[in-house]
Amino acid sequence: MLLQKLHSAYSDFSDYCQGKPFELAISYDEICSRLLKFNEINAELIKEEFNYLFDDLKFEIQYYKIEKPEFQKFGMYYDMIYQIELKKRPLEIRYYRKQLKRIDKEFSEIEPYFIYYRSNSSEKDDQYFRKSSSQNHITALVKANEMLVEYLAQKSGGKTADEIIASSPKVKFKLKQNEVMEIAKGMEGIGVAEGAIKDIAEYLGRCYGVDIKNVYGKSYVVSNRLKPARFLERMVDFLKKSV
């Protein structure tokens, strides 16, 4: 199925990136290799899409609005920073700041897509997120631009999220990947964390110092094991006993 092919494509690219498909501190050679690898994997996905017949409108919209952007954004991101690094000037910080200003200046061109995404709108889904639509990439475009801004902000002298975490008081967490996944699913389920489960799990993983790999596989394991809330139940038991 198409969705399985997409998830496999994401997993393959993530594995190639050693579990960190989104990187800020990355060399030019790594950018080039990741972009080439993405294009190679994406070419196979495009073939699958071309031959796939959507007979369910709801699934077609979900695929292009929610599912595919989680993979597609990486191709856009690495292509954007490749173009920027290709023309990098000797005065690096000034160059990156200029690029950041350029993006801000050009923001009005894609502002409607940002508003549509941020407001969680759906009235134009049937127009935007169809196989035949030239705009079915807009969610990925929004996400890639947010990643690009973070990249340029860090290159312009700002701190990355990982650097901020690293500079905080030393706290050692001893969590495993499935335990982080369990927390992520629970937080998403009760509405205290908004976003795609992959983004939530990877963000929490960064906070806890855990590389989350194969998010969809981990999510399936947690949901289908005998005790889905195994880790959280241990904490609940402790809190009850400590009262």
Protein backbone atom coordinates (compact mmCIF):
# COMPACT_ATOMS: atom_id res chain seq x y z
CA MET A 1 0.00 0.00 0.00
CA LEU A 2 0.99 3.61 -0.60
CA LEU A 3 1.01 4.54 3.10
CA GLN A 4 3.32 1.64 3.91
CA LYS A 5 5.65 2.75 1.11
CA LEU A 6 5.67 6.27 2.56
CA HIS A 7 6.44 5.05 6.08
CA SER A 8 9.18 2.82 4.69
CA ALA A 9 10.64 5.80 2.81
CA TYR A 10 10.66 7.88 5.98
CA SER A 11 12.25 5.05 7.96
CA ASP A 12 14.95 4.49 5.32
CA PHE A 13 15.86 8.17 5.23
CA SER A 14 15.86 8.42 9.03
CA ASP A 15 18.13 5.38 9.27
CA TYR A 16 20.48 6.94 6.72
CA CYS A 17 20.60 10.04 8.94
CA GLN A 18 21.31 7.86 12.01
CA GLY A 19 17.93 8.63 13.54
CA LYS A 20 18.23 12.42 13.17
CA PRO A 21 16.76 13.44 9.81
CA PHE A 22 16.57 17.09 10.94
CA GLU A 23 19.99 18.53 11.71
CA LEU A 24 21.20 22.09 12.26
CA ALA A 25 24.91 21.51 12.88
CA ILE A 26 25.74 19.74 9.65
CA SER A 27 28.54 20.00 7.09
CA TYR A 28 28.12 20.88 3.43
CA ASP A 29 29.12 17.34 2.41
CA GLU A 30 26.48 15.87 4.73
CA ILE A 31 23.84 18.20 3.29
CA CYS A 32 24.73 17.03 -0.22
CA SER A 33 24.67 13.34 0.72
CA ARG A 34 21.35 13.63 2.55
CA LEU A 35 19.77 15.50 -0.35
CA LEU A 36 20.95 12.86 -2.82
CA LYS A 37 19.68 10.07 -0.59
CA PHE A 38 16.31 11.75 -0.14
CA ASN A 39 15.91 12.23 -3.89
CA GLU A 40 16.80 8.57 -4.45
CA ILE A 41 14.19 7.35 -1.93
CA ASN A 42 11.62 9.90 -3.03
CA ALA A 43 11.89 8.83 -6.67
CA GLU A 44 10.62 5.38 -5.70
CA LEU A 45 7.78 6.89 -3.69
CA ILE A 46 6.75 9.09 -6.63
CA LYS A 47 6.53 6.01 -8.84
CA GLU A 48 4.24 4.38 -6.31
CA GLU A 49 2.07 7.51 -6.13
CA PHE A 50 1.84 7.78 -9.90
CA ASN A 51 0.34 4.30 -10.18
CA TYR A 52 -1.85 4.57 -7.10
CA LEU A 53 -5.56 5.22 -7.52
CA PHE A 54 -7.17 7.01 -4.61
CA ASP A 55 -10.74 5.78 -4.19
CA ASP A 56 -11.20 7.36 -0.75
CA LEU A 57 -11.24 11.17 -0.64
CA LYS A 58 -10.67 11.28 3.12
CA PHE A 59 -7.53 9.14 2.81
CA GLU A 60 -6.27 11.15 -0.17
CA ILE A 61 -6.54 14.40 1.80
CA GLN A 62 -4.96 12.85 4.88
CA TYR A 63 -2.09 11.51 2.80
CA TYR A 64 -1.15 14.86 1.27
CA LYS A 65 -2.05 17.06 4.23
CA ILE A 66 -0.73 15.02 7.18
CA GLU A 67 1.18 11.90 6.23
CA LYS A 68 3.41 12.81 3.30
CA PRO A 69 4.60 16.21 4.62
CA GLU A 70 6.40 14.46 7.49
CA PHE A 71 8.74 12.96 4.88
CA GLN A 72 8.55 15.56 2.14
CA LYS A 73 9.65 18.43 4.40
CA PHE A 74 13.15 16.95 4.68
CA GLY A 75 13.67 17.05 0.93
CA MET A 76 12.60 20.69 0.83
CA TYR A 77 14.70 21.57 3.86
CA TYR A 78 17.91 20.02 2.56
CA ASP A 79 17.37 21.49 -0.90
CA MET A 80 16.90 24.96 0.64
CA ILE A 81 20.02 24.84 2.80
CA TYR A 82 21.98 23.27 -0.06
CA GLN A 83 21.18 26.28 -2.24
CA ILE A 84 22.15 28.63 0.61
CA GLU A 85 25.43 26.86 1.42
CA LEU A 86 26.30 26.64 -2.27
CA LYS A 87 26.53 30.45 -2.42
CA LYS A 88 27.91 31.09 1.06
CA ARG A 89 30.14 34.17 1.37
CA PRO A 90 33.29 34.61 3.49
CA LEU A 91 31.51 36.77 6.06
CA GLU A 92 29.29 33.92 7.15
CA ILE A 93 27.20 35.47 9.92
CA ARG A 94 26.38 38.51 7.80
CA TYR A 95 25.47 36.21 4.91
CA TYR A 96 23.15 34.04 7.02
CA ARG A 97 21.47 37.09 8.53
CA LYS A 98 20.91 38.46 5.06
CA GLN A 99 19.30 35.18 4.01
CA LEU A 100 17.05 35.30 7.08
CA LYS A 101 15.94 38.81 6.17
CA ARG A 102 15.30 37.70 2.60
CA ILE A 103 13.00 34.92 3.82
CA ASP A 104 11.13 37.38 6.00
CA LYS A 105 10.77 39.77 3.07
CA GLU A 106 9.41 37.01 0.83
CA PHE A 107 7.10 35.63 3.51
CA SER A 108 4.02 37.33 2.06
CA GLU A 109 4.19 34.97 -0.94
CA ILE A 110 3.48 31.93 1.21
CA GLU A 111 1.73 33.62 4.13
CA PRO A 112 -1.73 32.25 3.16
CA TYR A 113 -0.39 28.70 3.50
CA PHE A 114 1.08 29.43 6.93
CA ILE A 115 -2.22 30.91 8.09
CA TYR A 116 -4.14 27.93 6.71
CA TYR A 117 -1.81 25.49 8.47
CA ARG A 118 -1.53 27.37 11.77
CA SER A 119 -5.28 27.96 12.04
CA ASN A 120 -5.90 24.24 11.44
CA SER A 121 -8.24 25.13 8.60
CA SER A 122 -9.92 22.53 6.44
CA GLU A 123 -12.31 24.38 4.14
CA LYS A 124 -9.90 24.20 1.18
CA ASP A 125 -8.63 20.68 1.80
CA ASP A 126 -10.51 19.35 -1.23
CA GLN A 127 -8.73 21.98 -3.36
CA TYR A 128 -5.25 21.76 -1.87
CA PHE A 129 -4.64 18.15 -0.89
CA ARG A 130 -5.47 16.07 -3.94
CA LYS A 131 -3.17 14.05 -6.16
CA SER A 132 -3.97 16.33 -9.10
CA SER A 133 -3.39 19.56 -7.14
CA SER A 134 -0.27 21.65 -7.70
CA GLN A 135 -0.60 22.82 -4.08
CA ASN A 136 -0.61 19.46 -2.32
CA HIS A 137 2.89 20.19 -0.99
CA ILE A 138 1.99 23.28 1.06
CA THR A 139 2.06 21.62 4.49
CA ALA A 140 5.56 20.32 3.79
CA LEU A 141 6.54 23.78 2.54
CA VAL A 142 5.40 25.41 5.78
CA LYS A 143 7.26 22.85 7.90
CA ALA A 144 10.42 23.11 5.77
CA ASN A 145 10.41 26.90 6.05
CA GLU A 146 10.12 26.68 9.84
CA MET A 147 13.11 24.32 9.86
CA LEU A 148 15.02 26.67 7.54
CA VAL A 149 14.40 29.66 9.82
CA GLU A 150 15.72 27.66 12.77
CA TYR A 151 18.79 26.71 10.74
CA LEU A 152 19.53 30.29 9.71
CA ALA A 153 18.86 31.65 13.20
CA GLN A 154 21.40 29.21 14.60
CA LYS A 155 23.91 30.04 11.85
CA SER A 156 23.40 33.74 12.56
CA GLY A 157 24.63 33.35 16.11
CA GLY A 158 21.63 31.93 17.97
CA LYS A 159 21.60 28.74 20.00
CA THR A 160 20.04 25.52 18.83
CA ALA A 161 17.43 23.77 20.94
CA ASP A 162 19.97 21.03 21.69
CA GLU A 163 22.52 23.61 22.86
CA ILE A 164 19.95 25.20 25.17
CA ILE A 165 19.13 21.79 26.63
CA ALA A 166 22.82 20.98 27.02
CA SER A 167 23.47 24.23 28.87
CA SER A 168 20.70 23.58 31.41
CA PRO A 169 21.45 22.14 34.89
CA LYS A 170 22.85 18.64 34.57
CA VAL A 171 20.03 16.15 34.91
CA LYS A 172 20.49 12.55 33.83
CA PHE A 173 17.49 10.76 32.37
CA LYS A 174 17.44 6.99 32.00
CA LEU A 175 14.58 6.51 29.57
CA LYS A 176 14.37 4.03 26.72
CA GLN A 177 12.89 4.70 23.28
CA ASN A 178 9.61 2.89 24.00
CA GLU A 179 9.21 4.80 27.27
CA VAL A 180 9.59 8.14 25.49
CA MET A 181 7.14 6.91 22.85
CA GLU A 182 4.66 5.97 25.58
CA ILE A 183 4.88 9.47 27.09
CA ALA A 184 4.49 11.08 23.66
CA LYS A 185 1.39 9.04 22.81
CA GLY A 186 -0.15 9.77 26.20
CA MET A 187 0.48 13.51 25.94
CA GLU A 188 -0.91 13.60 22.41
CA GLY A 189 -3.93 11.55 23.45
CA ILE A 190 -5.02 13.86 26.27
CA GLY A 191 -4.32 16.97 24.23
CA VAL A 192 -1.42 18.47 26.20
CA ALA A 193 0.92 18.11 23.20
CA GLU A 194 -0.21 19.22 19.77
CA GLY A 195 1.41 18.10 16.54
CA ALA A 196 2.26 14.91 14.67
CA ILE A 197 3.17 12.01 16.96
CA LYS A 198 6.54 11.77 15.21
CA ASP A 199 7.36 15.40 16.00
CA ILE A 200 6.22 15.05 19.62
CA ALA A 201 8.23 11.85 20.15
CA GLU A 202 11.38 13.24 18.51
CA TYR A 203 11.14 16.48 20.49
CA LEU A 204 10.77 14.62 23.78
CA GLY A 205 13.62 12.37 22.73
CA ARG A 206 15.87 15.39 22.32
CA CYS A 207 14.86 16.65 25.77
CA TYR A 208 15.58 13.29 27.38
CA GLY A 209 18.73 12.58 25.37
CA VAL A 210 17.20 9.63 23.51
CA ASP A 211 17.47 9.11 19.75
CA ILE A 212 13.99 8.03 18.65
CA LYS A 213 14.21 5.80 15.60
CA ASN A 214 11.39 4.25 13.58
CA VAL A 215 8.65 6.28 15.29
CA TYR A 216 5.80 4.45 13.59
CA GLY A 217 7.20 1.06 14.56
CA LYS A 218 7.69 2.15 18.17
CA SER A 219 4.15 3.57 18.26
CA TYR A 220 2.73 0.26 17.02
CA VAL A 221 4.67 -1.72 19.64
CA VAL A 222 3.51 0.52 22.50
CA SER A 223 -0.13 0.45 21.39
CA ASN A 224 -0.30 -3.31 20.90
CA ARG A 225 1.71 -4.68 23.82
CA LEU A 226 -0.02 -6.25 26.81
CA LYS A 227 0.45 -3.11 28.94
CA PRO A 228 0.46 0.00 26.69
CA ALA A 229 1.05 2.27 29.73
CA ARG A 230 3.73 0.12 31.37
CA PHE A 231 6.08 3.02 32.15
CA LEU A 232 3.37 5.47 33.17
CA GLU A 233 1.77 2.88 35.43
CA ARG A 234 5.05 2.53 37.32
CA MET A 235 5.04 6.27 37.99
CA VAL A 236 1.38 6.20 39.03
CA ASP A 237 2.09 3.36 41.47
CA PHE A 238 4.96 5.31 42.99
CA LEU A 239 2.91 8.48 43.37
CA LYS A 240 0.08 6.59 45.06
CA LYS A 241 2.48 4.98 47.51
CA SER A 242 4.25 8.27 48.25
CA VAL A 243 1.07 10.10 49.30
